[in-house]
Amino acid sequence: MTAAERIRKRVAAGLYGMAGADTAITISIGAAGYPEHGETAEALIASADGALYEAKRSGRNCVVLAGSSSITEGQIREKMR
């Protein structure tokens, strides 16, 4: 399991107090790795940003690695190792 997926699960498992009520929160994460997704900071950020938008298009609450399809509910592709 990747660090990004562990973070996503930890956030989704909690309840957070907002405006006097407990609220469930989910996050979407776009990730990119050096050098396969970019060799400059700008290229890496652009790759991660594109992956984040793909995560949101895929229904949210998921992790997407740049250049791959959405990965949800723990079905992480171990490309980040």
C-alpha atoms as a PDB file:
ATOM      1  CA  MET A   1       0.000   0.000   0.000  1.00  0.00           C
ATOM      2  CA  THR A   2       1.389   3.406  -0.897  1.00  0.00           C
ATOM      3  CA  ALA A   3       1.771   6.305   1.499  1.00  0.00           C
ATOM      4  CA  ALA A   4      -0.875   8.229  -0.454  1.00  0.00           C
ATOM      5  CA  GLU A   5      -3.408   5.423  -0.014  1.00  0.00           C
ATOM      6  CA  ARG A   6      -2.657   5.193   3.728  1.00  0.00           C
ATOM      7  CA  ILE A   7      -3.292   8.929   4.069  1.00  0.00           C
ATOM      8  CA  ARG A   8      -6.530   8.699   2.058  1.00  0.00           C
ATOM      9  CA  LYS A   9      -7.808   5.845   4.229  1.00  0.00           C
ATOM     10  CA  ARG A  10      -6.841   7.575   7.487  1.00  0.00           C
ATOM     11  CA  VAL A  11      -8.691  10.754   6.517  1.00  0.00           C
ATOM     12  CA  ALA A  12     -11.766   8.818   5.330  1.00  0.00           C
ATOM     13  CA  ALA A  13     -11.908   6.800   8.578  1.00  0.00           C
ATOM     14  CA  GLY A  14     -12.241   9.857  10.805  1.00  0.00           C
ATOM     15  CA  LEU A  15     -15.009  12.225  11.774  1.00  0.00           C
ATOM     16  CA  TYR A  16     -14.116  15.891  12.014  1.00  0.00           C
ATOM     17  CA  GLY A  17     -15.923  18.564  14.017  1.00  0.00           C
ATOM     18  CA  MET A  18     -17.172  21.345  11.788  1.00  0.00           C
ATOM     19  CA  ALA A  19     -19.792  23.914  12.742  1.00  0.00           C
ATOM     20  CA  GLY A  20     -20.768  21.872  15.791  1.00  0.00           C
ATOM     21  CA  ALA A  21     -21.356  18.609  13.926  1.00  0.00           C
ATOM     22  CA  ASP A  22     -19.198  15.598  13.157  1.00  0.00           C
ATOM     23  CA  THR A  23     -18.494  15.449   9.443  1.00  0.00           C
ATOM     24  CA  ALA A  24     -16.935  12.738   7.291  1.00  0.00           C
ATOM     25  CA  ILE A  25     -14.227  13.971   4.926  1.00  0.00           C
ATOM     26  CA  THR A  26     -12.666  12.294   1.913  1.00  0.00           C
ATOM     27  CA  ILE A  27      -9.703  13.342  -0.184  1.00  0.00           C
ATOM     28  CA  SER A  28      -8.447  12.737  -3.682  1.00  0.00           C
ATOM     29  CA  ILE A  29      -4.721  12.534  -4.319  1.00  0.00           C
ATOM     30  CA  GLY A  30      -2.747  12.954  -7.527  1.00  0.00           C
ATOM     31  CA  ALA A  31       0.824  11.673  -7.378  1.00  0.00           C
ATOM     32  CA  ALA A  32       3.823  11.833  -9.688  1.00  0.00           C
ATOM     33  CA  GLY A  33       7.329  10.427  -9.416  1.00  0.00           C
ATOM     34  CA  TYR A  34      10.729  11.634 -10.547  1.00  0.00           C
ATOM     35  CA  PRO A  35      11.946  11.170 -13.255  1.00  0.00           C
ATOM     36  CA  GLU A  36       9.250   9.051 -14.937  1.00  0.00           C
ATOM     37  CA  HIS A  37       6.597  11.800 -14.726  1.00  0.00           C
ATOM     38  CA  GLY A  38       8.864  14.805 -15.144  1.00  0.00           C
ATOM     39  CA  GLU A  39      12.429  15.919 -14.687  1.00  0.00           C
ATOM     40  CA  THR A  40      11.713  19.444 -13.462  1.00  0.00           C
ATOM     41  CA  ALA A  41       9.632  20.712 -10.568  1.00  0.00           C
ATOM     42  CA  GLU A  42       7.201  22.293 -13.022  1.00  0.00           C
ATOM     43  CA  ALA A  43       6.777  19.040 -14.969  1.00  0.00           C
ATOM     44  CA  LEU A  44       6.245  17.002 -11.791  1.00  0.00           C
ATOM     45  CA  ILE A  45       3.666  19.451 -10.486  1.00  0.00           C
ATOM     46  CA  ALA A  46       1.838  19.414 -13.828  1.00  0.00           C
ATOM     47  CA  SER A  47       1.809  15.594 -13.835  1.00  0.00           C
ATOM     48  CA  ALA A  48       0.522  15.419 -10.253  1.00  0.00           C
ATOM     49  CA  ASP A  49      -2.089  18.074 -11.025  1.00  0.00           C
ATOM     50  CA  GLY A  50      -3.334  16.088 -14.013  1.00  0.00           C
ATOM     51  CA  ALA A  51      -3.533  12.973 -11.849  1.00  0.00           C
ATOM     52  CA  LEU A  52      -5.505  14.897  -9.216  1.00  0.00           C
ATOM     53  CA  TYR A  53      -8.062  16.018 -11.804  1.00  0.00           C
ATOM     54  CA  GLU A  54      -8.362  12.403 -12.977  1.00  0.00           C
ATOM     55  CA  ALA A  55      -8.997  11.344  -9.368  1.00  0.00           C
ATOM     56  CA  LYS A  56     -11.787  13.881  -9.103  1.00  0.00           C
ATOM     57  CA  ARG A  57     -13.302  12.779 -12.432  1.00  0.00           C
ATOM     58  CA  SER A  58     -13.174   9.164 -11.240  1.00  0.00           C
ATOM     59  CA  GLY A  59     -15.594   9.778  -8.414  1.00  0.00           C
ATOM     60  CA  ARG A  60     -13.299  11.276  -5.782  1.00  0.00           C
ATOM     61  CA  ASN A  61     -11.904   9.610  -2.654  1.00  0.00           C
ATOM     62  CA  CYS A  62      -9.141   7.867  -4.576  1.00  0.00           C
ATOM     63  CA  VAL A  63      -5.456   7.967  -5.434  1.00  0.00           C
ATOM     64  CA  VAL A  64      -4.253   8.340  -9.014  1.00  0.00           C
ATOM     65  CA  LEU A  65      -0.660   8.028 -10.103  1.00  0.00           C
ATOM     66  CA  ALA A  66       0.242  10.137 -13.131  1.00  0.00           C
ATOM     67  CA  GLY A  67      -0.075   8.098 -16.299  1.00  0.00           C
ATOM     68  CA  SER A  68      -2.432   5.482 -14.817  1.00  0.00           C
ATOM     69  CA  SER A  69      -6.157   5.110 -14.399  1.00  0.00           C
ATOM     70  CA  SER A  70      -7.903   5.769 -11.100  1.00  0.00           C
ATOM     71  CA  ILE A  71      -7.136   3.511  -8.191  1.00  0.00           C
ATOM     72  CA  THR A  72      -9.841   3.295  -5.557  1.00  0.00           C
ATOM     73  CA  GLU A  73     -10.571   1.519  -2.301  1.00  0.00           C
ATOM     74  CA  GLY A  74      -7.113   0.126  -1.759  1.00  0.00           C
ATOM     75  CA  GLN A  75      -6.565  -1.239  -5.267  1.00  0.00           C
ATOM     76  CA  ILE A  76      -3.244   0.561  -5.506  1.00  0.00           C
ATOM     77  CA  ARG A  77      -0.854  -0.160  -8.319  1.00  0.00           C
ATOM     78  CA  GLU A  78       2.522  -0.411  -6.687  1.00  0.00           C
ATOM     79  CA  LYS A  79       4.222   1.732  -9.333  1.00  0.00           C
ATOM     80  CA  MET A  80       5.517   4.169  -6.752  1.00  0.00           C
ATOM     81  CA  ARG A  81       8.031   1.714  -5.291  1.00  0.00           C
END
